[in-house]
Amino acid sequence: MRWCLVALGVFIVAATTNAQPLPLDPLTPEEREVATSVAQADVKVRELLGGGRTRRIYTDFIAVKREGVRGDEPSGRYADVLFYRYDRDIGVRALVNLIARSVIDVVRVNGQSVPINNEEVEEAARIALADPRVLRLFGGTIPPFRVATRPATREDVESARIEGLRLLGSSADDPCFRHRCILLFFRVNNRYVNVNRVVVDMTSQSVQIRGGG
């Protein structure tokens, strides 16, 4: 009897683990990997991304209602994959059919419409903190910063945090015009310091020190 119970328990665990996600469930880690890989291998995506420096911005679930399918619930499983190409300031968005493992649509996106992600803020922070001018802003000693990936909790408010905001250039003489820039906010002891001072140009991977305010 003991062996029967053990076998039954193993079967239940296996069945739960292998259960297929429902149509409106978030993407599983495996689905994210598949969607990203399929999108990166697509001929049109590769053509638009070219050989320049690129970054995957996100891979997210998207509900698709296909023509000719009855009912309110979407059919199939789909993912929305967004990339950014730095040298041309464009986004490339691919719609991936996860069941067929194929790309069914690819569109080019205006670069100003492509959001930044946590990985970019982390890279911008590394670039900025390695700059001697930023070191001087903090009096020669950099606090133990970490990049904020969520709203501050009660435990977080006293920690040294870095937050990032996309900065858009408004005219051709602005260094961030057609460049992908991130304005960094430094928070120490629950207050912002050196506000509006440090901008990282992710296109040229350079740091701008501004007047502040």
Protein backbone atom coordinates (compact mmCIF):
# COMPACT_ATOMS: atom_id res chain seq x y z
CA MET A 1 0.00 0.00 0.00
CA ARG A 2 2.87 2.37 0.80
CA TRP A 3 4.31 1.92 -2.69
CA CYS A 4 0.90 2.59 -4.26
CA LEU A 5 0.57 5.85 -2.34
CA VAL A 6 4.06 6.94 -3.33
CA ALA A 7 3.41 6.14 -6.99
CA LEU A 8 0.12 8.02 -6.87
CA GLY A 9 1.84 11.03 -5.32
CA VAL A 10 4.52 11.04 -8.01
CA PHE A 11 1.83 10.86 -10.70
CA ILE A 12 -0.06 13.81 -9.22
CA VAL A 13 3.10 15.94 -9.00
CA ALA A 14 4.07 15.06 -12.57
CA ALA A 15 0.61 15.82 -13.88
CA THR A 16 0.60 19.19 -12.12
CA THR A 17 4.07 20.05 -13.38
CA ASN A 18 3.24 19.17 -16.98
CA ALA A 19 -0.15 20.89 -17.02
CA GLN A 20 -0.57 23.15 -20.00
CA PRO A 21 -1.13 26.87 -19.27
CA LEU A 22 -4.63 28.18 -19.86
CA PRO A 23 -5.22 30.68 -22.71
CA LEU A 24 -4.97 33.75 -20.46
CA ASP A 25 -2.20 32.53 -18.15
CA PRO A 26 1.07 34.52 -18.04
CA LEU A 27 3.95 33.10 -20.04
CA THR A 28 5.93 30.36 -18.36
CA PRO A 29 9.75 30.71 -18.27
CA GLU A 30 9.95 28.02 -20.93
CA GLU A 31 7.50 29.89 -23.16
CA ARG A 32 9.52 33.08 -22.79
CA GLU A 33 12.66 31.26 -23.91
CA VAL A 34 10.87 29.71 -26.88
CA ALA A 35 9.29 33.00 -27.95
CA THR A 36 12.58 34.89 -27.73
CA SER A 37 14.47 32.21 -29.63
CA VAL A 38 11.83 31.97 -32.36
CA ALA A 39 11.74 35.76 -32.79
CA GLN A 40 15.52 36.06 -32.94
CA ALA A 41 15.68 33.39 -35.64
CA ASP A 42 13.07 35.04 -37.87
CA VAL A 43 14.43 36.32 -41.19
CA LYS A 44 12.61 39.67 -41.12
CA VAL A 45 13.51 40.32 -37.49
CA ARG A 46 17.17 39.60 -38.24
CA GLU A 47 17.03 41.87 -41.28
CA LEU A 48 15.61 44.80 -39.30
CA LEU A 49 17.98 44.31 -36.38
CA GLY A 50 20.95 43.99 -38.71
CA GLY A 51 24.46 43.68 -37.34
CA GLY A 52 24.35 46.61 -34.95
CA ARG A 53 24.09 46.55 -31.15
CA THR A 54 20.63 45.43 -30.09
CA ARG A 55 18.75 44.50 -26.95
CA ARG A 56 15.64 42.50 -26.16
CA ILE A 57 13.36 44.81 -24.22
CA TYR A 58 10.69 42.32 -23.20
CA THR A 59 8.93 39.07 -23.98
CA ASP A 60 5.33 39.22 -22.77
CA PHE A 61 2.08 37.34 -23.10
CA ILE A 62 -0.43 38.75 -25.55
CA ALA A 63 -4.01 37.61 -26.14
CA VAL A 64 -4.90 37.25 -29.81
CA LYS A 65 -8.42 36.84 -31.10
CA ARG A 66 -8.12 35.19 -34.49
CA GLU A 67 -10.63 35.85 -37.26
CA GLY A 68 -13.19 33.13 -37.78
CA VAL A 69 -12.86 31.79 -34.22
CA ARG A 70 -16.06 31.96 -32.18
CA GLY A 71 -16.27 32.78 -28.49
CA ASP A 72 -14.81 35.50 -26.29
CA GLU A 73 -11.74 33.60 -25.13
CA PRO A 74 -8.60 33.94 -27.29
CA SER A 75 -7.35 30.86 -29.06
CA GLY A 76 -3.80 29.55 -28.84
CA ARG A 77 -0.81 30.96 -27.01
CA TYR A 78 1.04 34.02 -28.27
CA ALA A 79 3.95 36.18 -27.17
CA ASP A 80 4.87 39.77 -27.93
CA VAL A 81 8.66 40.18 -28.28
CA LEU A 82 10.20 43.66 -28.53
CA PHE A 83 13.79 44.45 -29.52
CA TYR A 84 15.68 47.73 -29.81
CA ARG A 85 18.43 48.64 -32.27
CA TYR A 86 20.67 51.42 -30.99
CA ASP A 87 22.38 52.71 -34.13
CA ARG A 88 19.10 53.31 -35.97
CA ASP A 89 16.94 54.17 -32.94
CA ILE A 90 14.21 51.72 -33.90
CA GLY A 91 12.23 49.00 -32.21
CA VAL A 92 11.35 45.67 -33.80
CA ARG A 93 8.24 43.93 -32.53
CA ALA A 94 7.41 40.30 -33.30
CA LEU A 95 4.21 38.36 -32.66
CA VAL A 96 5.06 34.73 -31.95
CA ASN A 97 2.69 31.78 -32.15
CA LEU A 98 3.96 29.57 -29.34
CA ILE A 99 2.07 26.48 -30.45
CA ALA A 100 3.39 26.60 -34.01
CA ARG A 101 6.71 28.10 -32.86
CA SER A 102 6.59 30.64 -35.66
CA VAL A 103 6.52 34.41 -36.13
CA ILE A 104 3.25 35.55 -37.64
CA ASP A 105 3.87 39.31 -37.75
CA VAL A 106 6.81 41.72 -37.52
CA VAL A 107 6.56 45.51 -37.32
CA ARG A 108 9.06 48.32 -37.01
CA VAL A 109 8.50 50.65 -34.04
CA ASN A 110 9.56 54.27 -33.55
CA GLY A 111 12.52 54.27 -31.18
CA GLN A 112 10.97 56.91 -28.93
CA SER A 113 8.10 54.50 -28.22
CA VAL A 114 10.38 51.72 -26.96
CA PRO A 115 10.50 51.69 -23.14
CA ILE A 116 13.64 51.08 -21.12
CA ASN A 117 13.92 47.95 -19.00
CA ASN A 118 15.67 47.05 -15.75
CA GLU A 119 18.68 45.57 -17.55
CA GLU A 120 19.29 48.87 -19.32
CA VAL A 121 19.05 50.84 -16.08
CA GLU A 122 21.53 48.41 -14.51
CA GLU A 123 23.94 48.90 -17.42
CA ALA A 124 23.48 52.67 -17.29
CA ALA A 125 24.23 52.60 -13.56
CA ARG A 126 27.44 50.60 -14.13
CA ILE A 127 28.58 53.05 -16.80
CA ALA A 128 27.80 56.07 -14.61
CA LEU A 129 29.37 54.75 -11.41
CA ALA A 130 32.61 54.01 -13.29
CA ASP A 131 32.89 57.65 -14.39
CA PRO A 132 35.27 59.78 -12.24
CA ARG A 133 32.95 62.80 -12.56
CA VAL A 134 30.14 60.86 -10.91
CA LEU A 135 32.55 59.81 -8.16
CA ARG A 136 33.29 63.48 -7.50
CA LEU A 137 29.55 64.23 -7.25
CA PHE A 138 29.48 61.90 -4.23
CA GLY A 139 32.57 63.37 -2.62
CA GLY A 140 34.86 60.54 -3.64
CA THR A 141 32.82 57.74 -2.02
CA ILE A 142 30.04 55.97 -3.88
CA PRO A 143 27.26 54.63 -1.62
CA PRO A 144 26.43 50.91 -2.00
CA PHE A 145 23.82 51.49 -4.69
CA ARG A 146 21.56 48.87 -6.21
CA VAL A 147 19.14 49.38 -9.05
CA ALA A 148 15.49 49.55 -7.99
CA THR A 149 13.42 46.87 -9.70
CA ARG A 150 10.20 47.52 -7.79
CA PRO A 151 8.53 50.27 -5.75
CA ALA A 152 10.30 50.87 -2.45
CA THR A 153 9.06 48.82 0.48
CA ARG A 154 9.46 49.74 4.14
CA GLU A 155 12.70 47.75 4.17
CA ASP A 156 13.99 49.48 1.02
CA VAL A 157 13.50 53.14 1.86
CA GLU A 158 16.78 53.53 3.77
CA SER A 159 18.86 51.66 1.20
CA ALA A 160 20.92 53.34 -1.51
CA ARG A 161 18.92 52.95 -4.72
CA ILE A 162 19.20 54.00 -8.34
CA GLU A 163 16.13 54.58 -10.48
CA GLY A 164 16.07 55.30 -14.20
CA LEU A 165 13.85 57.40 -16.45
CA ARG A 166 13.89 57.55 -20.25
CA LEU A 167 14.99 61.00 -21.42
CA LEU A 168 13.91 62.23 -24.87
CA GLY A 169 15.70 65.00 -26.74
CA SER A 170 13.34 67.68 -28.01
CA SER A 171 15.51 69.18 -30.76
CA ALA A 172 18.40 68.25 -33.02
CA ASP A 173 20.92 70.13 -30.83
CA ASP A 174 20.02 68.02 -27.78
CA PRO A 175 22.59 65.24 -27.17
CA CYS A 176 19.71 62.83 -26.57
CA PHE A 177 17.97 63.59 -29.85
CA ARG A 178 17.74 60.26 -31.71
CA HIS A 179 19.89 58.74 -28.95
CA ARG A 180 18.64 56.47 -26.20
CA CYS A 181 19.27 58.27 -22.92
CA ILE A 182 18.53 57.35 -19.32
CA LEU A 183 18.35 59.92 -16.54
CA LEU A 184 19.50 58.37 -13.27
CA PHE A 185 18.00 59.20 -9.88
CA PHE A 186 20.11 58.46 -6.81
CA ARG A 187 18.29 57.87 -3.54
CA VAL A 188 20.25 57.81 -0.27
CA ASN A 189 18.73 57.67 3.23
CA ASN A 190 15.25 58.02 1.75
CA ARG A 191 15.97 61.22 -0.18
CA TYR A 192 17.10 62.00 -3.71
CA VAL A 193 20.56 63.47 -4.22
CA ASN A 194 22.28 64.96 -7.28
CA VAL A 195 18.89 65.28 -8.92
CA ASN A 196 18.88 65.66 -12.72
CA ARG A 197 22.66 65.56 -12.85
CA VAL A 198 23.60 62.23 -14.44
CA VAL A 199 22.42 61.13 -17.87
CA VAL A 200 23.75 58.03 -19.60
CA ASP A 201 23.63 57.93 -23.38
CA MET A 202 23.10 54.24 -24.06
CA THR A 203 23.68 54.72 -27.79
CA SER A 204 27.21 56.04 -27.36
CA GLN A 205 27.59 54.52 -23.87
CA SER A 206 28.80 57.84 -22.50
CA VAL A 207 27.93 59.90 -19.43
CA GLN A 208 26.63 63.47 -19.38
CA ILE A 209 26.88 65.56 -16.21
CA ARG A 210 24.22 68.27 -16.25
CA GLY A 211 23.58 71.32 -14.14
CA GLY A 212 21.09 69.68 -11.81
CA GLY A 213 18.06 71.11 -10.09
